[in-house]
Structures are given as C-alpha cells and as structure tokens.
Amino acid sequence: MATLTIRDFDDELKAALRVRAAQHGRSMESEVREILRRTLTADETEPAHAGLGSRIAALFADLGEPAFEDLPPRSGHVRAAEFSG
C-alpha cells in the first residue's frame, strides 16, 4: 500500500470532507479513498465532466425508455397561465 500526503489542503474543504465522512460513517481517510476509487474507476462511457442532462439520464437509465406512444394526444391550443392576486 502506498501513502499519499496532501499539502496546503484548504480548511473549508477539510471541514466538508469531515462532514461527508461522518454522513457515510467513515473516517476522513476512508472517505478520501472511496472518493478516489469512485472517481478513478468511473465507467469510461460516462466521463466525470458530463453535463447535467447526461448525469440525470444516467441516474434513470435502468428504468428503460419512456413510452411516449402511451401518452394521449394533445388537444386544444396552448393558453397562457392566469394568475389571480
């Protein structure tokens, strides 16, 4: 096993890491290992810099394709919203 030293680690970042580790029931060191493992072993087809839409689509990919043919046809014209105040 190798040892990694990180110098000039921002105090705010360290505090956020501490909170995240506590939320996951891990030590800060274990949390860093998990973050690095997940980041460096991410699926090659889904780059870490993917846009928001791509990341949302990946979250719901296992639900299958939407069944647009099951939607009823639209009828009428589009109306502007009416607000009463």
PDB file of N, CA and C in Angstrom:
ATOM      1  N   MET A   1       0.845  -1.183   0.000  1.00  0.00           N
ATOM      2  CA  MET A   1       0.000   0.000   0.000  1.00  0.00           C
ATOM      3  C   MET A   1       0.889   1.246   0.000  1.00  0.00           C
ATOM      4  N   ALA A   2       0.444   2.227  -0.727  1.00  0.00           N
ATOM      5  CA  ALA A   2       1.164   3.490  -0.827  1.00  0.00           C
ATOM      6  C   ALA A   2       0.582   4.491   0.149  1.00  0.00           C
ATOM      7  N   THR A   3       1.370   5.507   0.461  1.00  0.00           N
ATOM      8  CA  THR A   3       0.936   6.601   1.314  1.00  0.00           C
ATOM      9  C   THR A   3       0.932   7.868   0.483  1.00  0.00           C
ATOM     10  N   LEU A   4      -0.100   8.662   0.649  1.00  0.00           N
ATOM     11  CA  LEU A   4      -0.246   9.906  -0.099  1.00  0.00           C
ATOM     12  C   LEU A   4      -0.342  11.055   0.886  1.00  0.00           C
ATOM     13  N   THR A   5       0.466  12.085   0.678  1.00  0.00           N
ATOM     14  CA  THR A   5       0.427  13.279   1.521  1.00  0.00           C
ATOM     15  C   THR A   5      -0.117  14.432   0.687  1.00  0.00           C
ATOM     16  N   ILE A   6      -1.084  15.151   1.232  1.00  0.00           N
ATOM     17  CA  ILE A   6      -1.659  16.303   0.535  1.00  0.00           C
ATOM     18  C   ILE A   6      -1.292  17.556   1.312  1.00  0.00           C
ATOM     19  N   ARG A   7      -0.542  18.421   0.680  1.00  0.00           N
ATOM     20  CA  ARG A   7      -0.122  19.664   1.330  1.00  0.00           C
ATOM     21  C   ARG A   7      -1.066  20.792   0.932  1.00  0.00           C
ATOM     22  N   ASP A   8      -1.124  21.822   1.771  1.00  0.00           N
ATOM     23  CA  ASP A   8      -1.925  23.016   1.512  1.00  0.00           C
ATOM     24  C   ASP A   8      -3.394  22.677   1.249  1.00  0.00           C
ATOM     25  N   PHE A   9      -3.940  21.777   2.033  1.00  0.00           N
ATOM     26  CA  PHE A   9      -5.339  21.368   1.930  1.00  0.00           C
ATOM     27  C   PHE A   9      -6.198  22.439   2.593  1.00  0.00           C
ATOM     28  N   ASP A  10      -7.120  23.015   1.849  1.00  0.00           N
ATOM     29  CA  ASP A  10      -7.959  24.104   2.315  1.00  0.00           C
ATOM     30  C   ASP A  10      -8.773  23.689   3.545  1.00  0.00           C
ATOM     31  N   ASP A  11      -8.839  24.573   4.553  1.00  0.00           N
ATOM     32  CA  ASP A  11      -9.573  24.268   5.788  1.00  0.00           C
ATOM     33  C   ASP A  11     -11.060  24.029   5.544  1.00  0.00           C
ATOM     34  N   GLU A  12     -11.667  24.795   4.640  1.00  0.00           N
ATOM     35  CA  GLU A  12     -13.089  24.614   4.341  1.00  0.00           C
ATOM     36  C   GLU A  12     -13.333  23.276   3.651  1.00  0.00           C
ATOM     37  N   LEU A  13     -12.414  22.910   2.773  1.00  0.00           N
ATOM     38  CA  LEU A  13     -12.529  21.630   2.097  1.00  0.00           C
ATOM     39  C   LEU A  13     -12.373  20.478   3.089  1.00  0.00           C
ATOM     40  N   LYS A  14     -11.467  20.636   4.024  1.00  0.00           N
ATOM     41  CA  LYS A  14     -11.270  19.616   5.051  1.00  0.00           C
ATOM     42  C   LYS A  14     -12.526  19.477   5.916  1.00  0.00           C
ATOM     43  N   ALA A  15     -13.148  20.596   6.261  1.00  0.00           N
ATOM     44  CA  ALA A  15     -14.369  20.563   7.065  1.00  0.00           C
ATOM     45  C   ALA A  15     -15.491  19.861   6.302  1.00  0.00           C
ATOM     46  N   ALA A  16     -15.612  20.149   5.003  1.00  0.00           N
ATOM     47  CA  ALA A  16     -16.628  19.495   4.185  1.00  0.00           C
ATOM     48  C   ALA A  16     -16.365  17.996   4.088  1.00  0.00           C
ATOM     49  N   LEU A  17     -15.106  17.622   3.978  1.00  0.00           N
ATOM     50  CA  LEU A  17     -14.732  16.209   3.936  1.00  0.00           C
ATOM     51  C   LEU A  17     -15.082  15.522   5.252  1.00  0.00           C
ATOM     52  N   ARG A  18     -14.835  16.195   6.344  1.00  0.00           N
ATOM     53  CA  ARG A  18     -15.155  15.632   7.662  1.00  0.00           C
ATOM     54  C   ARG A  18     -16.655  15.368   7.784  1.00  0.00           C
ATOM     55  N   VAL A  19     -17.469  16.321   7.338  1.00  0.00           N
ATOM     56  CA  VAL A  19     -18.922  16.176   7.401  1.00  0.00           C
ATOM     57  C   VAL A  19     -19.376  15.026   6.494  1.00  0.00           C
ATOM     58  N   ARG A  20     -18.854  14.990   5.283  1.00  0.00           N
ATOM     59  CA  ARG A  20     -19.230  13.934   4.336  1.00  0.00           C
ATOM     60  C   ARG A  20     -18.844  12.556   4.874  1.00  0.00           C
ATOM     61  N   ALA A  21     -17.665  12.450   5.443  1.00  0.00           N
ATOM     62  CA  ALA A  21     -17.222  11.179   6.011  1.00  0.00           C
ATOM     63  C   ALA A  21     -18.146  10.749   7.149  1.00  0.00           C
ATOM     64  N   ALA A  22     -18.519  11.687   8.000  1.00  0.00           N
ATOM     65  CA  ALA A  22     -19.409  11.374   9.118  1.00  0.00           C
ATOM     66  C   ALA A  22     -20.774  10.917   8.607  1.00  0.00           C
ATOM     67  N   GLN A  23     -21.270  11.547   7.547  1.00  0.00           N
ATOM     68  CA  GLN A  23     -22.559  11.157   6.977  1.00  0.00           C
ATOM     69  C   GLN A  23     -22.530   9.730   6.444  1.00  0.00           C
ATOM     70  N   HIS A  24     -21.363   9.305   5.977  1.00  0.00           N
ATOM     71  CA  HIS A  24     -21.219   7.955   5.436  1.00  0.00           C
ATOM     72  C   HIS A  24     -20.677   6.969   6.472  1.00  0.00           C
ATOM     73  N   GLY A  25     -20.470   7.436   7.691  1.00  0.00           N
ATOM     74  CA  GLY A  25     -19.992   6.550   8.750  1.00  0.00           C
ATOM     75  C   GLY A  25     -18.573   6.071   8.535  1.00  0.00           C
ATOM     76  N   ARG A  26     -17.736   6.924   7.945  1.00  0.00           N
ATOM     77  CA  ARG A  26     -16.350   6.556   7.653  1.00  0.00           C
ATOM     78  C   ARG A  26     -15.400   7.592   8.245  1.00  0.00           C
ATOM     79  N   SER A  27     -14.152   7.191   8.340  1.00  0.00           N
ATOM     80  CA  SER A  27     -13.109   8.144   8.708  1.00  0.00           C
ATOM     81  C   SER A  27     -12.848   9.044   7.497  1.00  0.00           C
ATOM     82  N   MET A  28     -12.196  10.178   7.718  1.00  0.00           N
ATOM     83  CA  MET A  28     -11.862  11.063   6.608  1.00  0.00           C
ATOM     84  C   MET A  28     -10.950  10.345   5.620  1.00  0.00           C
ATOM     85  N   GLU A  29     -10.019   9.586   6.120  1.00  0.00           N
ATOM     86  CA  GLU A  29      -9.086   8.859   5.258  1.00  0.00           C
ATOM     87  C   GLU A  29      -9.841   7.843   4.392  1.00  0.00           C
ATOM     88  N   SER A  30     -10.761   7.125   4.994  1.00  0.00           N
ATOM     89  CA  SER A  30     -11.559   6.152   4.256  1.00  0.00           C
ATOM     90  C   SER A  30     -12.448   6.835   3.223  1.00  0.00           C
ATOM     91  N   GLU A  31     -12.980   7.992   3.578  1.00  0.00           N
ATOM     92  CA  GLU A  31     -13.825   8.744   2.643  1.00  0.00           C
ATOM     93  C   GLU A  31     -13.019   9.194   1.434  1.00  0.00           C
ATOM     94  N   VAL A  32     -11.797   9.660   1.653  1.00  0.00           N
ATOM     95  CA  VAL A  32     -10.937  10.076   0.536  1.00  0.00           C
ATOM     96  C   VAL A  32     -10.644   8.879  -0.365  1.00  0.00           C
ATOM     97  N   ARG A  33     -10.357   7.727   0.231  1.00  0.00           N
ATOM     98  CA  ARG A  33     -10.108   6.526  -0.581  1.00  0.00           C
ATOM     99  C   ARG A  33     -11.328   6.195  -1.432  1.00  0.00           C
ATOM    100  N   GLU A  34     -12.532   6.289  -0.847  1.00  0.00           N
ATOM    101  CA  GLU A  34     -13.753   5.982  -1.584  1.00  0.00           C
ATOM    102  C   GLU A  34     -13.990   6.985  -2.706  1.00  0.00           C
ATOM    103  N   ILE A  35     -13.767   8.265  -2.429  1.00  0.00           N
ATOM    104  CA  ILE A  35     -13.925   9.301  -3.463  1.00  0.00           C
ATOM    105  C   ILE A  35     -12.971   9.034  -4.621  1.00  0.00           C
ATOM    106  N   LEU A  36     -11.721   8.756  -4.306  1.00  0.00           N
ATOM    107  CA  LEU A  36     -10.731   8.483  -5.351  1.00  0.00           C
ATOM    108  C   LEU A  36     -11.082   7.208  -6.117  1.00  0.00           C
ATOM    109  N   ARG A  37     -11.495   6.161  -5.400  1.00  0.00           N
ATOM    110  CA  ARG A  37     -11.842   4.903  -6.058  1.00  0.00           C
ATOM    111  C   ARG A  37     -12.998   5.115  -7.029  1.00  0.00           C
ATOM    112  N   ARG A  38     -14.051   5.793  -6.586  1.00  0.00           N
ATOM    113  CA  ARG A  38     -15.215   6.020  -7.447  1.00  0.00           C
ATOM    114  C   ARG A  38     -14.860   6.891  -8.649  1.00  0.00           C
ATOM    115  N   THR A  39     -14.056   7.905  -8.409  1.00  0.00           N
ATOM    116  CA  THR A  39     -13.699   8.832  -9.483  1.00  0.00           C
ATOM    117  C   THR A  39     -12.803   8.162 -10.516  1.00  0.00           C
ATOM    118  N   LEU A  40     -11.834   7.421 -10.049  1.00  0.00           N
ATOM    119  CA  LEU A  40     -10.855   6.846 -10.969  1.00  0.00           C
ATOM    120  C   LEU A  40     -11.311   5.549 -11.615  1.00  0.00           C
ATOM    121  N   THR A  41     -12.355   4.930 -11.102  1.00  0.00           N
ATOM    122  CA  THR A  41     -12.864   3.697 -11.711  1.00  0.00           C
ATOM    123  C   THR A  41     -14.231   3.921 -12.334  1.00  0.00           C
ATOM    124  N   ALA A  42     -14.570   5.180 -12.592  1.00  0.00           N
ATOM    125  CA  ALA A  42     -15.867   5.510 -13.202  1.00  0.00           C
ATOM    126  C   ALA A  42     -15.947   4.876 -14.578  1.00  0.00           C
ATOM    127  N   ASP A  43     -17.158   4.578 -15.000  1.00  0.00           N
ATOM    128  CA  ASP A  43     -17.410   3.992 -16.309  1.00  0.00           C
ATOM    129  C   ASP A  43     -16.823   4.905 -17.390  1.00  0.00           C
ATOM    130  N   GLU A  44     -16.064   4.323 -18.283  1.00  0.00           N
ATOM    131  CA  GLU A  44     -15.413   5.102 -19.346  1.00  0.00           C
ATOM    132  C   GLU A  44     -16.431   5.761 -20.269  1.00  0.00           C
ATOM    133  N   THR A  45     -17.643   5.210 -20.365  1.00  0.00           N
ATOM    134  CA  THR A  45     -18.643   5.790 -21.258  1.00  0.00           C
ATOM    135  C   THR A  45     -19.308   7.011 -20.647  1.00  0.00           C
ATOM    136  N   GLU A  46     -19.155   7.226 -19.363  1.00  0.00           N
ATOM    137  CA  GLU A  46     -19.764   8.365 -18.676  1.00  0.00           C
ATOM    138  C   GLU A  46     -18.655   9.188 -18.029  1.00  0.00           C
ATOM    139  N   PRO A  47     -18.047  10.128 -18.796  1.00  0.00           N
ATOM    140  CA  PRO A  47     -16.955  10.908 -18.236  1.00  0.00           C
ATOM    141  C   PRO A  47     -17.403  11.765 -17.060  1.00  0.00           C
ATOM    142  N   ALA A  48     -16.466  12.042 -16.146  1.00  0.00           N
ATOM    143  CA  ALA A  48     -16.773  12.817 -14.948  1.00  0.00           C
ATOM    144  C   ALA A  48     -17.235  14.226 -15.298  1.00  0.00           C
ATOM    145  N   HIS A  49     -16.872  14.725 -16.477  1.00  0.00           N
ATOM    146  CA  HIS A  49     -17.239  16.082 -16.873  1.00  0.00           C
ATOM    147  C   HIS A  49     -18.527  16.124 -17.701  1.00  0.00           C
ATOM    148  N   ALA A  50     -19.317  15.064 -17.655  1.00  0.00           N
ATOM    149  CA  ALA A  50     -20.574  15.031 -18.409  1.00  0.00           C
ATOM    150  C   ALA A  50     -21.505  16.129 -17.915  1.00  0.00           C
ATOM    151  N   GLY A  51     -22.339  16.598 -18.801  1.00  0.00           N
ATOM    152  CA  GLY A  51     -23.284  17.656 -18.456  1.00  0.00           C
ATOM    153  C   GLY A  51     -24.378  17.158 -17.527  1.00  0.00           C
ATOM    154  N   LEU A  52     -25.131  18.078 -16.993  1.00  0.00           N
ATOM    155  CA  LEU A  52     -26.187  17.754 -16.043  1.00  0.00           C
ATOM    156  C   LEU A  52     -27.221  16.818 -16.658  1.00  0.00           C
ATOM    157  N   GLY A  53     -27.626  17.084 -17.872  1.00  0.00           N
ATOM    158  CA  GLY A  53     -28.617  16.232 -18.530  1.00  0.00           C
ATOM    159  C   GLY A  53     -28.124  14.801 -18.680  1.00  0.00           C
ATOM    160  N   SER A  54     -26.863  14.642 -19.054  1.00  0.00           N
ATOM    161  CA  SER A  54     -26.280  13.300 -19.193  1.00  0.00           C
ATOM    162  C   SER A  54     -26.221  12.585 -17.858  1.00  0.00           C
ATOM    163  N   ARG A  55     -25.892  13.315 -16.807  1.00  0.00           N
ATOM    164  CA  ARG A  55     -25.815  12.685 -15.486  1.00  0.00           C
ATOM    165  C   ARG A  55     -27.200  12.290 -14.988  1.00  0.00           C
ATOM    166  N   ILE A  56     -28.213  13.130 -15.237  1.00  0.00           N
ATOM    167  CA  ILE A  56     -29.581  12.790 -14.844  1.00  0.00           C
ATOM    168  C   ILE A  56     -30.059  11.574 -15.631  1.00  0.00           C
ATOM    169  N   ALA A  57     -29.793  11.545 -16.940  1.00  0.00           N
ATOM    170  CA  ALA A  57     -30.193  10.410 -17.764  1.00  0.00           C
ATOM    171  C   ALA A  57     -29.541   9.126 -17.264  1.00  0.00           C
ATOM    172  N   ALA A  58     -28.283   9.196 -16.851  1.00  0.00           N
ATOM    173  CA  ALA A  58     -27.588   8.015 -16.334  1.00  0.00           C
ATOM    174  C   ALA A  58     -28.242   7.507 -15.051  1.00  0.00           C
ATOM    175  N   LEU A  59     -28.739   8.414 -14.227  1.00  0.00           N
ATOM    176  CA  LEU A  59     -29.395   8.011 -12.984  1.00  0.00           C
ATOM    177  C   LEU A  59     -30.651   7.186 -13.240  1.00  0.00           C
ATOM    178  N   PHE A  60     -31.365   7.502 -14.317  1.00  0.00           N
ATOM    179  CA  PHE A  60     -32.637   6.854 -14.601  1.00  0.00           C
ATOM    180  C   PHE A  60     -32.551   5.867 -15.763  1.00  0.00           C
ATOM    181  N   ALA A  61     -31.349   5.545 -16.222  1.00  0.00           N
ATOM    182  CA  ALA A  61     -31.171   4.686 -17.392  1.00  0.00           C
ATOM    183  C   ALA A  61     -31.774   3.303 -17.191  1.00  0.00           C
ATOM    184  N   ASP A  62     -31.724   2.779 -15.986  1.00  0.00           N
ATOM    185  CA  ASP A  62     -32.222   1.426 -15.758  1.00  0.00           C
ATOM    186  C   ASP A  62     -33.749   1.355 -15.723  1.00  0.00           C
ATOM    187  N   LEU A  63     -34.439   2.484 -15.838  1.00  0.00           N
ATOM    188  CA  LEU A  63     -35.898   2.489 -15.868  1.00  0.00           C
ATOM    189  C   LEU A  63     -36.436   2.181 -17.266  1.00  0.00           C
ATOM    190  N   GLY A  64     -35.570   2.201 -18.253  1.00  0.00           N
ATOM    191  CA  GLY A  64     -35.985   1.917 -19.623  1.00  0.00           C
ATOM    192  C   GLY A  64     -36.359   3.181 -20.369  1.00  0.00           C
ATOM    193  N   GLU A  65     -36.707   2.981 -21.623  1.00  0.00           N
ATOM    194  CA  GLU A  65     -37.085   4.101 -22.475  1.00  0.00           C
ATOM    195  C   GLU A  65     -38.490   4.586 -22.129  1.00  0.00           C
ATOM    196  N   PRO A  66     -38.736   5.893 -22.204  1.00  0.00           N
ATOM    197  CA  PRO A  66     -40.090   6.386 -21.943  1.00  0.00           C
ATOM    198  C   PRO A  66     -41.046   5.909 -23.032  1.00  0.00           C
ATOM    199  N   ALA A  67     -42.248   5.613 -22.661  1.00  0.00           N
ATOM    200  CA  ALA A  67     -43.257   5.129 -23.607  1.00  0.00           C
ATOM    201  C   ALA A  67     -44.119   6.305 -24.059  1.00  0.00           C
ATOM    202  N   PHE A  68     -43.622   7.073 -25.018  1.00  0.00           N
ATOM    203  CA  PHE A  68     -44.343   8.250 -25.480  1.00  0.00           C
ATOM    204  C   PHE A  68     -45.629   7.875 -26.209  1.00  0.00           C
ATOM    205  N   GLU A  69     -45.676   6.673 -26.786  1.00  0.00           N
ATOM    206  CA  GLU A  69     -46.883   6.282 -27.509  1.00  0.00           C
ATOM    207  C   GLU A  69     -48.060   6.066 -26.561  1.00  0.00           C
ATOM    208  N   ASP A  70     -47.783   5.909 -25.261  1.00  0.00           N
ATOM    209  CA  ASP A  70     -48.851   5.725 -24.285  1.00  0.00           C
ATOM    210  C   ASP A  70     -49.493   7.047 -23.859  1.00  0.00           C
ATOM    211  N   LEU A  71     -48.921   8.158 -24.262  1.00  0.00           N
ATOM    212  CA  LEU A  71     -49.466   9.454 -23.876  1.00  0.00           C
ATOM    213  C   LEU A  71     -50.660   9.801 -24.753  1.00  0.00           C
ATOM    214  N   PRO A  72     -51.681  10.406 -24.173  1.00  0.00           N
ATOM    215  CA  PRO A  72     -52.827  10.811 -25.001  1.00  0.00           C
ATOM    216  C   PRO A  72     -52.417  11.963 -25.914  1.00  0.00           C
ATOM    217  N   PRO A  73     -53.064  12.081 -27.061  1.00  0.00           N
ATOM    218  CA  PRO A  73     -52.712  13.178 -27.979  1.00  0.00           C
ATOM    219  C   PRO A  73     -53.103  14.521 -27.365  1.00  0.00           C
ATOM    220  N   ARG A  74     -52.351  15.537 -27.706  1.00  0.00           N
ATOM    221  CA  ARG A  74     -52.672  16.883 -27.218  1.00  0.00           C
ATOM    222  C   ARG A  74     -53.874  17.417 -27.968  1.00  0.00           C
ATOM    223  N   SER A  75     -54.665  18.188 -27.270  1.00  0.00           N
ATOM    224  CA  SER A  75     -55.824  18.789 -27.919  1.00  0.00           C
ATOM    225  C   SER A  75     -55.935  20.237 -27.465  1.00  0.00           C
ATOM    226  N   GLY A  76     -56.495  21.043 -28.297  1.00  0.00           N
ATOM    227  CA  GLY A  76     -56.672  22.447 -27.936  1.00  0.00           C
ATOM    228  C   GLY A  76     -55.391  23.243 -28.163  1.00  0.00           C
ATOM    229  N   HIS A  77     -55.497  24.520 -27.844  1.00  0.00           N
ATOM    230  CA  HIS A  77     -54.361  25.412 -28.031  1.00  0.00           C
ATOM    231  C   HIS A  77     -53.699  25.686 -26.699  1.00  0.00           C
ATOM    232  N   VAL A  78     -52.458  26.063 -26.775  1.00  0.00           N
ATOM    233  CA  VAL A  78     -51.712  26.412 -25.566  1.00  0.00           C
ATOM    234  C   VAL A  78     -52.247  27.736 -25.041  1.00  0.00           C
ATOM    235  N   ARG A  79     -52.510  27.790 -23.733  1.00  0.00           N
ATOM    236  CA  ARG A  79     -53.018  29.009 -23.113  1.00  0.00           C
ATOM    237  C   ARG A  79     -51.972  29.573 -22.165  1.00  0.00           C
ATOM    238  N   ALA A  80     -51.999  30.852 -22.015  1.00  0.00           N
ATOM    239  CA  ALA A  80     -51.115  31.499 -21.049  1.00  0.00           C
ATOM    240  C   ALA A  80     -51.639  31.241 -19.649  1.00  0.00           C
ATOM    241  N   ALA A  81     -50.744  31.177 -18.700  1.00  0.00           N
ATOM    242  CA  ALA A  81     -51.156  30.977 -17.307  1.00  0.00           C
ATOM    243  C   ALA A  81     -51.909  32.194 -16.806  1.00  0.00           C
ATOM    244  N   GLU A  82     -52.904  31.936 -15.969  1.00  0.00           N
ATOM    245  CA  GLU A  82     -53.685  33.039 -15.386  1.00  0.00           C
ATOM    246  C   GLU A  82     -53.384  33.101 -13.904  1.00  0.00           C
ATOM    247  N   PHE A  83     -52.999  34.256 -13.435  1.00  0.00           N
ATOM    248  CA  PHE A  83     -52.689  34.457 -12.035  1.00  0.00           C
ATOM    249  C   PHE A  83     -53.691  35.414 -11.420  1.00  0.00           C
ATOM    250  N   SER A  84     -54.192  35.074 -10.279  1.00  0.00           N
ATOM    251  CA  SER A  84     -55.098  35.995  -9.588  1.00  0.00           C
ATOM    252  C   SER A  84     -54.440  36.414  -8.277  1.00  0.00           C
ATOM    253  N   GLY A  85     -54.556  37.605  -7.924  1.00  0.00           N
ATOM    254  CA  GLY A  85     -53.848  38.032  -6.743  1.00  0.00           C
ATOM    255  C   GLY A  85     -54.586  38.958  -5.957  1.00  0.00           C
TER     256      GLY A  85
END
